[in-house]
Protein backbone atom coordinates (compact mmCIF):
# COMPACT_ATOMS: atom_id res chain seq x y z
CA MET A 1 79.03 33.64 38.30
CA VAL A 2 78.98 34.78 41.93
CA LYS A 3 82.02 36.47 43.43
CA PHE A 4 82.49 36.47 47.20
CA MET A 5 85.12 38.74 48.71
CA VAL A 6 86.71 38.70 52.14
CA VAL A 7 88.75 41.60 53.54
CA ILE A 8 90.94 40.02 56.20
CA TYR A 9 92.58 41.79 59.11
CA LYS A 10 95.25 39.74 60.83
CA ARG A 11 95.10 38.89 64.49
CA PRO A 12 97.12 41.55 66.34
CA ASP A 13 99.34 38.95 67.99
CA LEU A 14 100.58 37.64 64.63
CA THR A 15 103.25 39.12 62.42
CA ALA A 16 102.44 39.76 58.78
CA LYS A 17 104.69 36.83 57.90
CA GLN A 18 102.89 34.46 60.30
CA PHE A 19 99.53 35.61 58.94
CA ARG A 20 100.56 35.08 55.34
CA GLN A 21 102.08 31.67 56.03
CA HIS A 22 98.89 30.51 57.74
CA LEU A 23 96.62 31.85 55.02
CA GLN A 24 98.70 30.36 52.21
CA ASN A 25 99.69 27.04 53.76
CA ILE A 26 96.81 26.11 56.05
CA HIS A 27 93.68 28.09 55.25
CA GLY A 28 94.25 28.28 51.50
CA PRO A 29 94.21 24.50 51.03
CA LEU A 30 91.01 24.32 53.10
CA ALA A 31 89.36 26.96 50.93
CA LYS A 32 90.50 25.31 47.70
CA ASN A 33 88.55 22.21 48.74
CA LEU A 34 85.21 24.03 48.91
CA PRO A 35 82.79 22.17 46.66
CA GLY A 36 81.77 24.17 43.61
CA LEU A 37 84.60 26.69 43.94
CA ARG A 38 85.65 27.80 40.44
CA LYS A 39 88.38 30.33 41.22
CA TYR A 40 90.23 31.32 44.39
CA VAL A 41 92.55 34.35 44.63
CA GLN A 42 94.55 35.65 47.58
CA ASN A 43 95.58 39.32 47.30
CA TYR A 44 98.12 40.71 49.77
CA VAL A 45 99.03 44.29 50.57
CA CYS A 46 102.32 45.36 48.99
CA ALA A 47 104.64 47.72 50.81
CA ASP A 48 104.29 51.13 49.19
CA PRO A 49 106.40 53.99 50.51
CA THR A 50 104.13 56.57 48.86
CA ARG A 51 100.85 55.43 50.41
CA LYS A 52 99.52 54.72 53.87
CA ALA A 53 99.02 51.01 54.63
CA PRO A 54 95.31 50.12 54.49
CA GLY A 55 95.26 48.27 57.81
CA TRP A 56 93.99 44.99 56.38
CA GLU A 57 96.35 42.25 55.27
CA ALA A 58 94.57 40.46 52.44
CA VAL A 59 91.57 40.46 50.15
CA ILE A 60 90.28 37.07 49.11
CA GLU A 61 88.18 36.38 46.01
CA LEU A 62 86.10 33.21 45.72
CA TYR A 63 84.08 32.47 42.59
CA PHE A 64 81.11 30.11 42.30
CA ASP A 65 78.78 29.27 39.41
CA ASP A 66 75.74 30.62 41.22
CA TRP A 67 74.31 31.59 44.61
CA ALA A 68 73.12 28.06 45.38
CA SER A 69 76.60 26.65 44.74
CA MET A 70 78.11 29.23 47.07
CA GLU A 71 75.62 28.50 49.86
CA SER A 72 76.18 24.76 49.44
CA ALA A 73 79.92 25.33 49.80
CA TRP A 74 79.46 27.25 53.06
CA ALA A 75 77.15 24.51 54.41
CA SER A 76 79.54 21.68 53.48
CA PRO A 77 82.02 19.97 55.83
CA GLN A 78 84.78 21.76 53.91
CA GLY A 79 83.06 25.09 54.56
CA ALA A 80 82.80 24.26 58.25
CA ALA A 81 86.50 23.36 58.38
CA SER A 82 87.38 26.66 56.74
CA ASP A 83 85.21 28.58 59.21
CA VAL A 84 86.77 26.83 62.20
CA ASP A 85 90.24 27.86 61.00
CA LEU A 86 89.49 31.59 60.60
CA PRO A 87 90.12 32.58 64.24
CA ALA A 88 93.60 31.03 64.02
CA PHE A 89 94.83 33.95 61.91
CA ALA A 90 92.05 36.49 61.29
CA ASP A 91 90.77 39.26 63.55
CA LEU A 92 87.08 38.44 63.25
CA THR A 93 86.05 41.67 64.95
CA ARG A 94 87.25 43.58 61.86
CA THR A 95 87.31 41.06 59.01
CA THR A 96 84.39 41.53 56.61
CA TRP A 97 82.93 39.64 53.67
CA SER A 98 80.21 39.89 51.08
CA ALA A 99 79.04 38.61 47.76
CA VAL A 100 79.73 41.35 45.23
CA ASP A 101 78.47 42.39 41.83
CA GLU A 102 81.61 42.57 39.70
CA ILE A 103 81.52 45.05 36.83
CA ILE A 104 84.53 44.83 34.52
CA CYS A 105 85.15 48.31 33.15
CA LEU A 106 88.32 47.59 31.18
CA GLN A 107 89.93 44.34 30.20
């Protein structure tokens, strides 16, 4: 299994609510259509009065069977549609992504 994570910073001209609505209602359905995608998780920052806000708005987890499946998804028409939508809500100068090696330490 390959896990791909995206740390998304919202565009500065959007409110947190606008960002979340776009990610959930427009971008999310695009991402869910990626061929070979096995699991898709959107994680949002929770307000926490005891900690400083991290600056980013969401962390996305995408799971694929293997590296080839992931690369095929990115190269697909669905992957292209997802890429085209990113600038509509994400600050691409700060948003980052990477495949990660997940080590489960406690379950």
